[in-house]
Amino acid sequence: MAPISPPDDPLSDDGLERLFSSLNEAPGILAAVSGGPDSMALMQSLARWASLGRRPPIHVATVDHGLRPEAADEAAFVAREAALLSLPHRTLAWSGQKPVSGIQEAAREARYRLLVEHAREAAASHLVTAHTLDDQAETVMMRLSRGSGLSGLAGMRRGTDRQGIRHVRPFLGLPKSHLLDHCRQQGWRFVSDPSNADERYARVRWRRLMPLLAAEGLTAERLARLAERAAQADEALDIKAWEAFDRGEPSLEAGTLSFPAQILTDEPFDIALRVLELALTQAGLDLDNSRLRRLEACTERLRQAAGAREALSLTIAGAHLRLTQAGRVYLGPEPPRHRGR
């Protein structure tokens, strides 16, 4: 029998019901567990929650990125702990050549690709990760340092879609220290990842700065609150952008989307920026390699040309944008012969 937590503890039985309420109707759940205190607290909490009623099937997966010799032993540790809780476990290996630079971003992309693929295999509709309040604060600071826009400052969302799999972060409002203390109090075993102290990684360097920022009032809680407010504003602007886009009655023919340029000139700049991003997405064009500054520059050029009733032709993220003197914007794939110019 699990030790009883205080009733106001977010990891008490009542607290778990609130934290995991969005999972009740899921056909299946996949928990990503690395073996650290945060993810072990997640696995133990999900097992406890599952014992309190009729719940969806819960699966556990550990990603071995093949970057550290200890990773295989850590995955085996998680597998043993999952077995003690009667939870099926799978180790997912990131195989193949690893990049020389940008390793953390590449590892992140590989991790979620593997997890989403396994979620589908396990008939799980939801992927659950143990991101905490501290992780959110670090993410906001990292994005702020890179000059991110409002969407970036919104940080990680509590729920998001990953290729049809719902990714939820139920611990996003909990401090990492609370989960660590809980693991120790409950006797839940965990491992320590040495890369969490490796200052070659930007997140580690930011983590070490956080106490200094907190001393000046910039606490993890306040940074997380900033992210919540940014997310609220971001959502409101997205709604207004959709409304403006729909009013223009866009047309999609033979892979080319068109809409009146007046949308871009009549709306405030940030709405016009989002309309252009939305149009590119609706045209089926990939924005992954696009940067905010480049998109802002394209929006500004289109607004200026439309206001002057001038024709304009430019490219962004593999897309060809053409503004006619009649005031209509056409979006389509960039012709191969023009790529890279």
C-alpha atoms as a PDB file:
ATOM      1  CA  MET A   1       0.000   0.000   0.000  1.00  0.00           C
ATOM      2  CA  ALA A   2       1.385   3.413  -0.975  1.00  0.00           C
ATOM      3  CA  PRO A   3       2.135   5.909   1.809  1.00  0.00           C
ATOM      4  CA  ILE A   4      -0.644   8.453   2.248  1.00  0.00           C
ATOM      5  CA  SER A   5       0.078  12.031   1.130  1.00  0.00           C
ATOM      6  CA  PRO A   6      -1.399  15.132   2.772  1.00  0.00           C
ATOM      7  CA  PRO A   7      -4.761  16.033   1.156  1.00  0.00           C
ATOM      8  CA  ASP A   8      -3.423  19.363  -0.174  1.00  0.00           C
ATOM      9  CA  ASP A   9      -0.471  17.642  -1.850  1.00  0.00           C
ATOM     10  CA  PRO A  10      -0.849  17.709  -5.673  1.00  0.00           C
ATOM     11  CA  LEU A  11       0.349  14.078  -5.640  1.00  0.00           C
ATOM     12  CA  SER A  12      -2.278  12.979  -3.125  1.00  0.00           C
ATOM     13  CA  ASP A  13      -5.088  10.794  -4.438  1.00  0.00           C
ATOM     14  CA  ASP A  14      -7.356  13.818  -4.905  1.00  0.00           C
ATOM     15  CA  GLY A  15      -4.507  15.767  -6.469  1.00  0.00           C
ATOM     16  CA  LEU A  16      -3.800  12.984  -8.951  1.00  0.00           C
ATOM     17  CA  GLU A  17      -7.448  12.958 -10.009  1.00  0.00           C
ATOM     18  CA  ARG A  18      -7.094  16.630 -10.911  1.00  0.00           C
ATOM     19  CA  LEU A  19      -3.666  16.311 -12.539  1.00  0.00           C
ATOM     20  CA  PHE A  20      -4.674  13.385 -14.749  1.00  0.00           C
ATOM     21  CA  SER A  21      -8.321  14.313 -15.391  1.00  0.00           C
ATOM     22  CA  SER A  22      -7.652  14.857 -19.124  1.00  0.00           C
ATOM     23  CA  LEU A  23      -6.499  11.226 -19.438  1.00  0.00           C
ATOM     24  CA  ASN A  24      -9.688   9.542 -18.251  1.00  0.00           C
ATOM     25  CA  GLU A  25     -11.192   9.197 -21.730  1.00  0.00           C
ATOM     26  CA  ALA A  26      -7.957   8.225 -23.497  1.00  0.00           C
ATOM     27  CA  PRO A  27      -7.968   4.829 -25.254  1.00  0.00           C
ATOM     28  CA  GLY A  28      -4.387   4.374 -24.066  1.00  0.00           C
ATOM     29  CA  ILE A  29      -1.552   6.302 -22.405  1.00  0.00           C
ATOM     30  CA  LEU A  30       2.192   6.270 -23.086  1.00  0.00           C
ATOM     31  CA  ALA A  31       4.425   7.703 -20.337  1.00  0.00           C
ATOM     32  CA  ALA A  32       7.932   8.799 -21.324  1.00  0.00           C
ATOM     33  CA  VAL A  33      10.212   7.852 -18.425  1.00  0.00           C
ATOM     34  CA  SER A  34      13.966   8.480 -18.425  1.00  0.00           C
ATOM     35  CA  GLY A  35      14.670   7.305 -14.881  1.00  0.00           C
ATOM     36  CA  GLY A  36      15.229  10.739 -13.321  1.00  0.00           C
ATOM     37  CA  PRO A  37      13.193  11.861 -10.295  1.00  0.00           C
ATOM     38  CA  ASP A  38      10.644  13.821 -12.344  1.00  0.00           C
ATOM     39  CA  SER A  39       9.773  10.998 -14.702  1.00  0.00           C
ATOM     40  CA  MET A  40       9.890   8.333 -11.964  1.00  0.00           C
ATOM     41  CA  ALA A  41       7.438  10.424  -9.952  1.00  0.00           C
ATOM     42  CA  LEU A  42       5.262  10.534 -13.085  1.00  0.00           C
ATOM     43  CA  MET A  43       5.335   6.760 -13.534  1.00  0.00           C
ATOM     44  CA  GLN A  44       4.635   6.075  -9.867  1.00  0.00           C
ATOM     45  CA  SER A  45       1.829   8.654  -9.819  1.00  0.00           C
ATOM     46  CA  LEU A  46       0.208   7.207 -12.941  1.00  0.00           C
ATOM     47  CA  ALA A  47       0.338   3.722 -11.386  1.00  0.00           C
ATOM     48  CA  ARG A  48      -1.259   5.022  -8.197  1.00  0.00           C
ATOM     49  CA  TRP A  49      -3.934   6.881 -10.184  1.00  0.00           C
ATOM     50  CA  ALA A  50      -4.660   3.733 -12.193  1.00  0.00           C
ATOM     51  CA  SER A  51      -5.224   1.797  -8.961  1.00  0.00           C
ATOM     52  CA  LEU A  52      -7.935   4.232  -7.839  1.00  0.00           C
ATOM     53  CA  GLY A  53     -10.455   3.334 -10.525  1.00  0.00           C
ATOM     54  CA  ARG A  54     -11.059   2.061 -14.002  1.00  0.00           C
ATOM     55  CA  ARG A  55      -8.385   3.683 -16.149  1.00  0.00           C
ATOM     56  CA  PRO A  56      -7.028   3.456 -19.701  1.00  0.00           C
ATOM     57  CA  PRO A  57      -4.085   1.104 -20.321  1.00  0.00           C
ATOM     58  CA  ILE A  58      -0.750   2.706 -19.384  1.00  0.00           C
ATOM     59  CA  HIS A  59       2.478   1.947 -21.252  1.00  0.00           C
ATOM     60  CA  VAL A  60       5.985   3.156 -20.395  1.00  0.00           C
ATOM     61  CA  ALA A  61       8.830   3.944 -22.800  1.00  0.00           C
ATOM     62  CA  THR A  62      12.435   5.023 -22.310  1.00  0.00           C
ATOM     63  CA  VAL A  63      14.429   6.535 -25.154  1.00  0.00           C
ATOM     64  CA  ASP A  64      18.079   5.507 -25.374  1.00  0.00           C
ATOM     65  CA  HIS A  65      19.727   8.187 -27.487  1.00  0.00           C
ATOM     66  CA  GLY A  66      22.959   6.218 -27.701  1.00  0.00           C
ATOM     67  CA  LEU A  67      24.908   9.251 -26.492  1.00  0.00           C
ATOM     68  CA  ARG A  68      26.007   7.978 -23.061  1.00  0.00           C
ATOM     69  CA  PRO A  69      27.231   4.528 -22.008  1.00  0.00           C
ATOM     70  CA  GLU A  70      25.002   4.679 -18.911  1.00  0.00           C
ATOM     71  CA  ALA A  71      21.812   5.108 -20.942  1.00  0.00           C
ATOM     72  CA  ALA A  72      21.250   1.386 -21.544  1.00  0.00           C
ATOM     73  CA  ASP A  73      21.535   0.630 -17.809  1.00  0.00           C
ATOM     74  CA  GLU A  74      19.139   3.490 -17.022  1.00  0.00           C
ATOM     75  CA  ALA A  75      16.576   2.112 -19.477  1.00  0.00           C
ATOM     76  CA  ALA A  76      16.940  -1.341 -17.897  1.00  0.00           C
ATOM     77  CA  PHE A  77      16.394   0.249 -14.469  1.00  0.00           C
ATOM     78  CA  VAL A  78      13.158   1.876 -15.646  1.00  0.00           C
ATOM     79  CA  ALA A  79      12.036  -1.437 -17.149  1.00  0.00           C
ATOM     80  CA  ARG A  80      12.529  -3.197 -13.790  1.00  0.00           C
ATOM     81  CA  GLU A  81      10.693  -0.477 -11.873  1.00  0.00           C
ATOM     82  CA  ALA A  82       7.838  -0.503 -14.396  1.00  0.00           C
ATOM     83  CA  ALA A  83       7.557  -4.289 -14.054  1.00  0.00           C
ATOM     84  CA  LEU A  84       7.140  -3.900 -10.280  1.00  0.00           C
ATOM     85  CA  LEU A  85       4.135  -1.693 -11.053  1.00  0.00           C
ATOM     86  CA  SER A  86       2.807  -4.146 -13.673  1.00  0.00           C
ATOM     87  CA  LEU A  87       3.309  -1.578 -16.425  1.00  0.00           C
ATOM     88  CA  PRO A  88       4.577  -2.726 -19.858  1.00  0.00           C
ATOM     89  CA  HIS A  89       7.860  -1.076 -20.830  1.00  0.00           C
ATOM     90  CA  ARG A  90       9.757  -0.590 -24.084  1.00  0.00           C
ATOM     91  CA  THR A  91      13.232   0.834 -24.698  1.00  0.00           C
ATOM     92  CA  LEU A  92      13.326   2.935 -27.878  1.00  0.00           C
ATOM     93  CA  ALA A  93      16.781   3.308 -29.429  1.00  0.00           C
ATOM     94  CA  TRP A  94      17.878   6.280 -31.517  1.00  0.00           C
ATOM     95  CA  SER A  95      20.098   4.559 -34.045  1.00  0.00           C
ATOM     96  CA  GLY A  96      22.099   5.849 -36.969  1.00  0.00           C
ATOM     97  CA  GLN A  97      24.553   8.682 -37.462  1.00  0.00           C
ATOM     98  CA  LYS A  98      24.408  11.503 -34.884  1.00  0.00           C
ATOM     99  CA  PRO A  99      24.980  15.139 -35.890  1.00  0.00           C
ATOM    100  CA  VAL A 100      28.179  16.902 -34.844  1.00  0.00           C
ATOM    101  CA  SER A 101      26.364  20.131 -33.901  1.00  0.00           C
ATOM    102  CA  GLY A 102      22.872  20.827 -32.598  1.00  0.00           C
ATOM    103  CA  ILE A 103      22.843  17.471 -30.838  1.00  0.00           C
ATOM    104  CA  GLN A 104      20.264  18.404 -28.200  1.00  0.00           C
ATOM    105  CA  GLU A 105      17.729  19.618 -30.765  1.00  0.00           C
ATOM    106  CA  ALA A 106      18.324  16.558 -32.944  1.00  0.00           C
ATOM    107  CA  ALA A 107      17.949  14.282 -29.920  1.00  0.00           C
ATOM    108  CA  ARG A 108      14.703  15.999 -28.983  1.00  0.00           C
ATOM    109  CA  GLU A 109      13.278  15.537 -32.483  1.00  0.00           C
ATOM    110  CA  ALA A 110      14.356  11.880 -32.527  1.00  0.00           C
ATOM    111  CA  ARG A 111      12.908  11.308 -29.053  1.00  0.00           C
ATOM    112  CA  TYR A 112       9.452  12.564 -29.960  1.00  0.00           C
ATOM    113  CA  ARG A 113       9.484  10.760 -33.291  1.00  0.00           C
ATOM    114  CA  LEU A 114      10.206   7.463 -31.534  1.00  0.00           C
ATOM    115  CA  LEU A 115       7.644   8.129 -28.804  1.00  0.00           C
ATOM    116  CA  VAL A 116       4.897   9.049 -31.273  1.00  0.00           C
ATOM    117  CA  GLU A 117       5.614   5.948 -33.350  1.00  0.00           C
ATOM    118  CA  HIS A 118       5.467   3.738 -30.258  1.00  0.00           C
ATOM    119  CA  ALA A 119       2.283   5.442 -29.030  1.00  0.00           C
ATOM    120  CA  ARG A 120       0.616   4.446 -32.289  1.00  0.00           C
ATOM    121  CA  GLU A 121       1.891   0.866 -31.972  1.00  0.00           C
ATOM    122  CA  ALA A 122       0.564   0.674 -28.409  1.00  0.00           C
ATOM    123  CA  ALA A 123      -2.825   2.171 -29.425  1.00  0.00           C
ATOM    124  CA  ALA A 124      -2.165   5.092 -27.073  1.00  0.00           C
ATOM    125  CA  SER A 125      -3.845   8.396 -27.854  1.00  0.00           C
ATOM    126  CA  HIS A 126      -1.902  10.374 -25.238  1.00  0.00           C
ATOM    127  CA  LEU A 127       1.813  10.869 -24.594  1.00  0.00           C
ATOM    128  CA  VAL A 128       2.626  12.046 -21.062  1.00  0.00           C
ATOM    129  CA  THR A 129       5.918  13.685 -20.067  1.00  0.00           C
ATOM    130  CA  ALA A 130       7.152  14.976 -16.689  1.00  0.00           C
ATOM    131  CA  HIS A 131       8.104  18.551 -17.609  1.00  0.00           C
ATOM    132  CA  THR A 132       7.999  20.772 -14.520  1.00  0.00           C
ATOM    133  CA  LEU A 133       7.607  24.416 -13.550  1.00  0.00           C
ATOM    134  CA  ASP A 134      11.412  24.740 -13.568  1.00  0.00           C
ATOM    135  CA  ASP A 135      11.609  23.305 -17.099  1.00  0.00           C
ATOM    136  CA  GLN A 136       9.040  25.868 -18.204  1.00  0.00           C
ATOM    137  CA  ALA A 137      10.984  28.759 -16.654  1.00  0.00           C
ATOM    138  CA  GLU A 138      14.211  27.630 -18.313  1.00  0.00           C
ATOM    139  CA  THR A 139      12.434  27.316 -21.669  1.00  0.00           C
ATOM    140  CA  VAL A 140      11.046  30.854 -21.405  1.00  0.00           C
ATOM    141  CA  MET A 141      14.474  32.299 -20.554  1.00  0.00           C
ATOM    142  CA  MET A 142      16.161  30.416 -23.409  1.00  0.00           C
ATOM    143  CA  ARG A 143      13.582  31.638 -25.907  1.00  0.00           C
ATOM    144  CA  LEU A 144      13.728  35.179 -24.544  1.00  0.00           C
ATOM    145  CA  SER A 145      17.500  35.172 -25.074  1.00  0.00           C
ATOM    146  CA  ARG A 146      16.942  34.175 -28.722  1.00  0.00           C
ATOM    147  CA  GLY A 147      14.481  36.992 -29.342  1.00  0.00           C
ATOM    148  CA  SER A 148      11.432  34.740 -29.655  1.00  0.00           C
ATOM    149  CA  GLY A 149       8.019  36.211 -30.348  1.00  0.00           C
ATOM    150  CA  LEU A 150       4.860  35.806 -28.307  1.00  0.00           C
ATOM    151  CA  SER A 151       4.356  32.166 -29.344  1.00  0.00           C
ATOM    152  CA  GLY A 152       7.850  31.293 -28.141  1.00  0.00           C
ATOM    153  CA  LEU A 153       7.443  33.111 -24.840  1.00  0.00           C
ATOM    154  CA  ALA A 154       4.316  31.051 -24.200  1.00  0.00           C
ATOM    155  CA  GLY A 155       6.760  28.228 -23.504  1.00  0.00           C
ATOM    156  CA  MET A 156       5.593  24.640 -23.350  1.00  0.00           C
ATOM    157  CA  ARG A 157       1.844  24.050 -23.484  1.00  0.00           C
ATOM    158  CA  ARG A 158       0.044  21.753 -21.063  1.00  0.00           C
ATOM    159  CA  GLY A 159      -1.434  19.989 -24.056  1.00  0.00           C
ATOM    160  CA  THR A 160      -0.404  19.927 -27.695  1.00  0.00           C
ATOM    161  CA  ASP A 161      -0.797  17.739 -30.764  1.00  0.00           C
ATOM    162  CA  ARG A 162       2.060  15.617 -32.131  1.00  0.00           C
ATOM    163  CA  GLN A 163       0.987  14.069 -35.418  1.00  0.00           C
ATOM    164  CA  GLY A 164      -2.340  12.967 -34.017  1.00  0.00           C
ATOM    165  CA  ILE A 165      -1.016  11.982 -30.575  1.00  0.00           C
ATOM    166  CA  ARG A 166      -2.014  14.282 -27.699  1.00  0.00           C
ATOM    167  CA  HIS A 167       1.072  15.329 -25.710  1.00  0.00           C
ATOM    168  CA  VAL A 168       0.202  16.392 -22.156  1.00  0.00           C
ATOM    169  CA  ARG A 169       2.404  17.755 -19.364  1.00  0.00           C
ATOM    170  CA  PRO A 170       0.450  17.350 -16.104  1.00  0.00           C
ATOM    171  CA  PHE A 171       3.408  18.381 -13.898  1.00  0.00           C
ATOM    172  CA  LEU A 172       4.012  21.709 -15.659  1.00  0.00           C
ATOM    173  CA  GLY A 173       2.775  23.659 -12.636  1.00  0.00           C
ATOM    174  CA  LEU A 174       4.828  21.697 -10.074  1.00  0.00           C
ATOM    175  CA  PRO A 175       8.346  22.644  -8.909  1.00  0.00           C
ATOM    176  CA  LYS A 176      11.055  20.063  -9.573  1.00  0.00           C
ATOM    177  CA  SER A 177      11.977  20.183  -5.877  1.00  0.00           C
ATOM    178  CA  HIS A 178       8.513  18.943  -4.927  1.00  0.00           C
ATOM    179  CA  LEU A 179       8.865  15.861  -7.116  1.00  0.00           C
ATOM    180  CA  LEU A 180      12.362  15.164  -5.806  1.00  0.00           C
ATOM    181  CA  ASP A 181      11.193  15.476  -2.209  1.00  0.00           C
ATOM    182  CA  HIS A 182       8.257  13.199  -2.945  1.00  0.00           C
ATOM    183  CA  CYS A 183      10.501  10.529  -4.443  1.00  0.00           C
ATOM    184  CA  ARG A 184      12.667  10.576  -1.329  1.00  0.00           C
ATOM    185  CA  GLN A 185       9.719  10.544   1.076  1.00  0.00           C
ATOM    186  CA  GLN A 186       7.990   7.693  -0.726  1.00  0.00           C
ATOM    187  CA  GLY A 187      11.160   5.702  -1.286  1.00  0.00           C
ATOM    188  CA  TRP A 188      10.831   5.852  -5.074  1.00  0.00           C
ATOM    189  CA  ARG A 189      14.161   5.055  -6.670  1.00  0.00           C
ATOM    190  CA  PHE A 190      15.612   7.174  -9.482  1.00  0.00           C
ATOM    191  CA  VAL A 191      18.851   7.770 -11.375  1.00  0.00           C
ATOM    192  CA  SER A 192      20.877  10.933 -11.929  1.00  0.00           C
ATOM    193  CA  ASP A 193      21.793  11.932 -15.480  1.00  0.00           C
ATOM    194  CA  PRO A 194      25.343  13.404 -15.537  1.00  0.00           C
ATOM    195  CA  SER A 195      24.479  15.441 -18.636  1.00  0.00           C
ATOM    196  CA  ASN A 196      22.274  17.594 -16.366  1.00  0.00           C
ATOM    197  CA  ALA A 197      25.528  19.068 -15.017  1.00  0.00           C
ATOM    198  CA  ASP A 198      27.275  19.397 -18.399  1.00  0.00           C
ATOM    199  CA  GLU A 199      27.689  23.103 -19.145  1.00  0.00           C
ATOM    200  CA  ARG A 200      28.189  22.444 -22.835  1.00  0.00           C
ATOM    201  CA  TYR A 201      24.387  22.451 -22.953  1.00  0.00           C
ATOM    202  CA  ALA A 202      22.574  25.797 -22.902  1.00  0.00           C
ATOM    203  CA  ARG A 203      19.775  24.528 -20.653  1.00  0.00           C
ATOM    204  CA  VAL A 204      22.296  23.525 -17.986  1.00  0.00           C
ATOM    205  CA  ARG A 205      23.895  26.975 -18.079  1.00  0.00           C
ATOM    206  CA  TRP A 206      20.502  28.642 -17.739  1.00  0.00           C
ATOM    207  CA  ARG A 207      19.625  26.306 -14.888  1.00  0.00           C
ATOM    208  CA  ARG A 208      22.645  27.500 -12.961  1.00  0.00           C
ATOM    209  CA  LEU A 209      21.635  31.128 -13.518  1.00  0.00           C
ATOM    210  CA  MET A 210      18.091  30.660 -12.228  1.00  0.00           C
ATOM    211  CA  PRO A 211      18.935  31.143  -8.505  1.00  0.00           C
ATOM    212  CA  LEU A 212      20.589  34.487  -9.340  1.00  0.00           C
ATOM    213  CA  LEU A 213      17.525  35.584 -11.315  1.00  0.00           C
ATOM    214  CA  ALA A 214      15.211  34.416  -8.525  1.00  0.00           C
ATOM    215  CA  ALA A 215      17.161  36.545  -6.051  1.00  0.00           C
ATOM    216  CA  GLU A 216      16.197  39.578  -8.153  1.00  0.00           C
ATOM    217  CA  GLY A 217      12.536  38.517  -8.208  1.00  0.00           C
ATOM    218  CA  LEU A 218      12.542  36.640 -11.513  1.00  0.00           C
ATOM    219  CA  THR A 219      11.437  33.336 -10.013  1.00  0.00           C
ATOM    220  CA  ALA A 220      10.396  30.200 -11.841  1.00  0.00           C
ATOM    221  CA  GLU A 221       6.800  30.864 -10.753  1.00  0.00           C
ATOM    222  CA  ARG A 222       6.827  34.344 -12.275  1.00  0.00           C
ATOM    223  CA  LEU A 223       8.398  33.147 -15.487  1.00  0.00           C
ATOM    224  CA  ALA A 224       5.755  30.423 -15.719  1.00  0.00           C
ATOM    225  CA  ARG A 225       3.065  33.036 -15.146  1.00  0.00           C
ATOM    226  CA  LEU A 226       4.566  35.099 -17.965  1.00  0.00           C
ATOM    227  CA  ALA A 227       4.293  32.026 -20.182  1.00  0.00           C
ATOM    228  CA  GLU A 228       0.618  31.590 -19.247  1.00  0.00           C
ATOM    229  CA  ARG A 229      -0.172  35.209 -20.078  1.00  0.00           C
ATOM    230  CA  ALA A 230       1.760  35.006 -23.336  1.00  0.00           C
ATOM    231  CA  ALA A 231      -0.155  31.834 -24.225  1.00  0.00           C
ATOM    232  CA  GLN A 232      -3.474  33.578 -23.559  1.00  0.00           C
ATOM    233  CA  ALA A 233      -2.516  36.558 -25.737  1.00  0.00           C
ATOM    234  CA  ASP A 234      -1.129  34.236 -28.410  1.00  0.00           C
ATOM    235  CA  GLU A 235      -4.394  32.300 -28.539  1.00  0.00           C
ATOM    236  CA  ALA A 236      -6.436  35.517 -28.812  1.00  0.00           C
ATOM    237  CA  LEU A 237      -4.288  36.778 -31.700  1.00  0.00           C
ATOM    238  CA  ASP A 238      -4.578  33.430 -33.470  1.00  0.00           C
ATOM    239  CA  ILE A 239      -8.379  33.627 -33.247  1.00  0.00           C
ATOM    240  CA  LYS A 240      -8.359  37.154 -34.718  1.00  0.00           C
ATOM    241  CA  ALA A 241      -6.003  36.022 -37.492  1.00  0.00           C
ATOM    242  CA  TRP A 242      -8.344  33.158 -38.400  1.00  0.00           C
ATOM    243  CA  GLU A 243     -11.282  35.566 -38.503  1.00  0.00           C
ATOM    244  CA  ALA A 244      -9.405  37.966 -40.789  1.00  0.00           C
ATOM    245  CA  PHE A 245      -8.239  35.114 -43.026  1.00  0.00           C
ATOM    246  CA  ASP A 246     -11.770  33.729 -43.360  1.00  0.00           C
ATOM    247  CA  ARG A 247     -13.192  37.171 -44.188  1.00  0.00           C
ATOM    248  CA  GLY A 248     -10.885  37.276 -47.179  1.00  0.00           C
ATOM    249  CA  GLU A 249     -12.521  34.112 -48.564  1.00  0.00           C
ATOM    250  CA  PRO A 250      -9.219  32.488 -49.584  1.00  0.00           C
ATOM    251  CA  SER A 251      -9.160  30.260 -52.631  1.00  0.00           C
ATOM    252  CA  LEU A 252      -7.072  27.119 -53.170  1.00  0.00           C
ATOM    253  CA  GLU A 253      -6.688  25.899 -56.737  1.00  0.00           C
ATOM    254  CA  ALA A 254      -4.107  23.466 -58.162  1.00  0.00           C
ATOM    255  CA  GLY A 255      -1.892  23.793 -55.096  1.00  0.00           C
ATOM    256  CA  THR A 256      -1.897  27.608 -55.153  1.00  0.00           C
ATOM    257  CA  LEU A 257      -3.683  29.557 -52.416  1.00  0.00           C
ATOM    258  CA  SER A 258      -4.755  33.148 -52.950  1.00  0.00           C
ATOM    259  CA  PHE A 259      -6.328  35.839 -50.788  1.00  0.00           C
ATOM    260  CA  PRO A 260      -6.835  39.636 -50.960  1.00  0.00           C
ATOM    261  CA  ALA A 261      -3.788  41.636 -49.863  1.00  0.00           C
ATOM    262  CA  GLN A 262      -6.142  44.074 -48.139  1.00  0.00           C
ATOM    263  CA  ILE A 263      -6.173  41.664 -45.164  1.00  0.00           C
ATOM    264  CA  LEU A 264      -2.493  42.418 -44.632  1.00  0.00           C
ATOM    265  CA  THR A 265      -2.896  46.196 -44.860  1.00  0.00           C
ATOM    266  CA  ASP A 266      -6.127  46.585 -42.886  1.00  0.00           C
ATOM    267  CA  GLU A 267      -5.082  44.529 -39.870  1.00  0.00           C
ATOM    268  CA  PRO A 268      -2.443  45.413 -37.238  1.00  0.00           C
ATOM    269  CA  PHE A 269       1.004  44.077 -38.092  1.00  0.00           C
ATOM    270  CA  ASP A 270       0.925  41.113 -35.705  1.00  0.00           C
ATOM    271  CA  ILE A 271      -2.427  39.940 -37.095  1.00  0.00           C
ATOM    272  CA  ALA A 272      -1.124  40.359 -40.665  1.00  0.00           C
ATOM    273  CA  LEU A 273       1.966  38.340 -39.718  1.00  0.00           C
ATOM    274  CA  ARG A 274      -0.207  35.511 -38.428  1.00  0.00           C
ATOM    275  CA  VAL A 275      -2.465  35.650 -41.487  1.00  0.00           C
ATOM    276  CA  LEU A 276       0.570  35.142 -43.716  1.00  0.00           C
ATOM    277  CA  GLU A 277       1.819  32.264 -41.555  1.00  0.00           C
ATOM    278  CA  LEU A 278      -1.671  30.750 -41.602  1.00  0.00           C
ATOM    279  CA  ALA A 279      -1.893  31.101 -45.390  1.00  0.00           C
ATOM    280  CA  LEU A 280       1.440  29.332 -45.836  1.00  0.00           C
ATOM    281  CA  THR A 281       0.296  26.503 -43.589  1.00  0.00           C
ATOM    282  CA  GLN A 282      -3.068  26.199 -45.350  1.00  0.00           C
ATOM    283  CA  ALA A 283      -1.232  25.996 -48.665  1.00  0.00           C
ATOM    284  CA  GLY A 284       0.563  22.933 -47.299  1.00  0.00           C
ATOM    285  CA  LEU A 285       3.969  24.628 -47.165  1.00  0.00           C
ATOM    286  CA  ASP A 286       6.551  23.731 -44.503  1.00  0.00           C
ATOM    287  CA  LEU A 287       7.472  26.520 -42.093  1.00  0.00           C
ATOM    288  CA  ASP A 288       9.842  24.470 -39.900  1.00  0.00           C
ATOM    289  CA  ASN A 289      12.938  26.076 -41.371  1.00  0.00           C
ATOM    290  CA  SER A 290      11.472  29.574 -41.382  1.00  0.00           C
ATOM    291  CA  ARG A 291      12.548  32.157 -38.844  1.00  0.00           C
ATOM    292  CA  LEU A 292      10.292  34.753 -37.258  1.00  0.00           C
ATOM    293  CA  ARG A 293      12.468  37.625 -38.494  1.00  0.00           C
ATOM    294  CA  ARG A 294      12.250  36.374 -42.084  1.00  0.00           C
ATOM    295  CA  LEU A 295       8.471  36.045 -41.859  1.00  0.00           C
ATOM    296  CA  GLU A 296       8.217  39.537 -40.365  1.00  0.00           C
ATOM    297  CA  ALA A 297      10.301  40.965 -43.208  1.00  0.00           C
ATOM    298  CA  CYS A 298       8.077  39.266 -45.817  1.00  0.00           C
ATOM    299  CA  THR A 299       4.933  40.594 -44.133  1.00  0.00           C
ATOM    300  CA  GLU A 300       6.320  44.129 -44.065  1.00  0.00           C
ATOM    301  CA  ARG A 301       7.329  44.024 -47.749  1.00  0.00           C
ATOM    302  CA  LEU A 302       3.908  42.702 -48.765  1.00  0.00           C
ATOM    303  CA  ARG A 303       2.127  45.387 -46.747  1.00  0.00           C
ATOM    304  CA  GLN A 304       4.227  48.167 -48.267  1.00  0.00           C
ATOM    305  CA  ALA A 305       3.797  46.907 -51.836  1.00  0.00           C
ATOM    306  CA  ALA A 306       0.062  46.369 -51.383  1.00  0.00           C
ATOM    307  CA  GLY A 307      -0.332  49.875 -49.962  1.00  0.00           C
ATOM    308  CA  ALA A 308       1.498  51.294 -52.992  1.00  0.00           C
ATOM    309  CA  ARG A 309      -0.447  49.041 -55.399  1.00  0.00           C
ATOM    310  CA  GLU A 310       2.806  47.514 -56.646  1.00  0.00           C
ATOM    311  CA  ALA A 311       3.457  43.966 -57.810  1.00  0.00           C
ATOM    312  CA  LEU A 312       5.924  41.909 -55.781  1.00  0.00           C
ATOM    313  CA  SER A 313       7.499  38.468 -55.963  1.00  0.00           C
ATOM    314  CA  LEU A 314       9.477  36.847 -53.135  1.00  0.00           C
ATOM    315  CA  THR A 315      10.217  33.468 -51.544  1.00  0.00           C
ATOM    316  CA  ILE A 316      10.220  32.049 -48.017  1.00  0.00           C
ATOM    317  CA  ALA A 317      10.493  28.523 -46.593  1.00  0.00           C
ATOM    318  CA  GLY A 318      10.211  26.894 -50.012  1.00  0.00           C
ATOM    319  CA  ALA A 319       7.190  29.010 -50.953  1.00  0.00           C
ATOM    320  CA  HIS A 320       6.765  31.503 -53.790  1.00  0.00           C
ATOM    321  CA  LEU A 321       4.677  34.566 -52.834  1.00  0.00           C
ATOM    322  CA  ARG A 322       3.344  36.743 -55.644  1.00  0.00           C
ATOM    323  CA  LEU A 323       1.431  39.983 -55.133  1.00  0.00           C
ATOM    324  CA  THR A 324      -0.401  41.361 -58.172  1.00  0.00           C
ATOM    325  CA  GLN A 325      -1.126  45.029 -58.842  1.00  0.00           C
ATOM    326  CA  ALA A 326      -4.790  44.112 -58.549  1.00  0.00           C
ATOM    327  CA  GLY A 327      -4.121  43.444 -54.857  1.00  0.00           C
ATOM    328  CA  ARG A 328      -4.207  39.660 -54.563  1.00  0.00           C
ATOM    329  CA  VAL A 329      -1.576  37.428 -52.978  1.00  0.00           C
ATOM    330  CA  TYR A 330      -0.819  34.023 -54.511  1.00  0.00           C
ATOM    331  CA  LEU A 331       1.094  31.332 -52.582  1.00  0.00           C
ATOM    332  CA  GLY A 332       2.526  28.160 -54.029  1.00  0.00           C
ATOM    333  CA  PRO A 333       5.613  25.951 -53.952  1.00  0.00           C
ATOM    334  CA  GLU A 334       8.821  27.622 -55.048  1.00  0.00           C
ATOM    335  CA  PRO A 335       9.878  26.343 -58.510  1.00  0.00           C
ATOM    336  CA  PRO A 336      12.930  24.040 -58.191  1.00  0.00           C
ATOM    337  CA  ARG A 337      15.044  26.184 -60.495  1.00  0.00           C
ATOM    338  CA  HIS A 338      14.630  29.158 -58.154  1.00  0.00           C
ATOM    339  CA  ARG A 339      15.497  27.394 -54.876  1.00  0.00           C
ATOM    340  CA  GLY A 340      18.447  28.832 -53.020  1.00  0.00           C
ATOM    341  CA  ARG A 341      18.471  32.141 -54.866  1.00  0.00           C
END
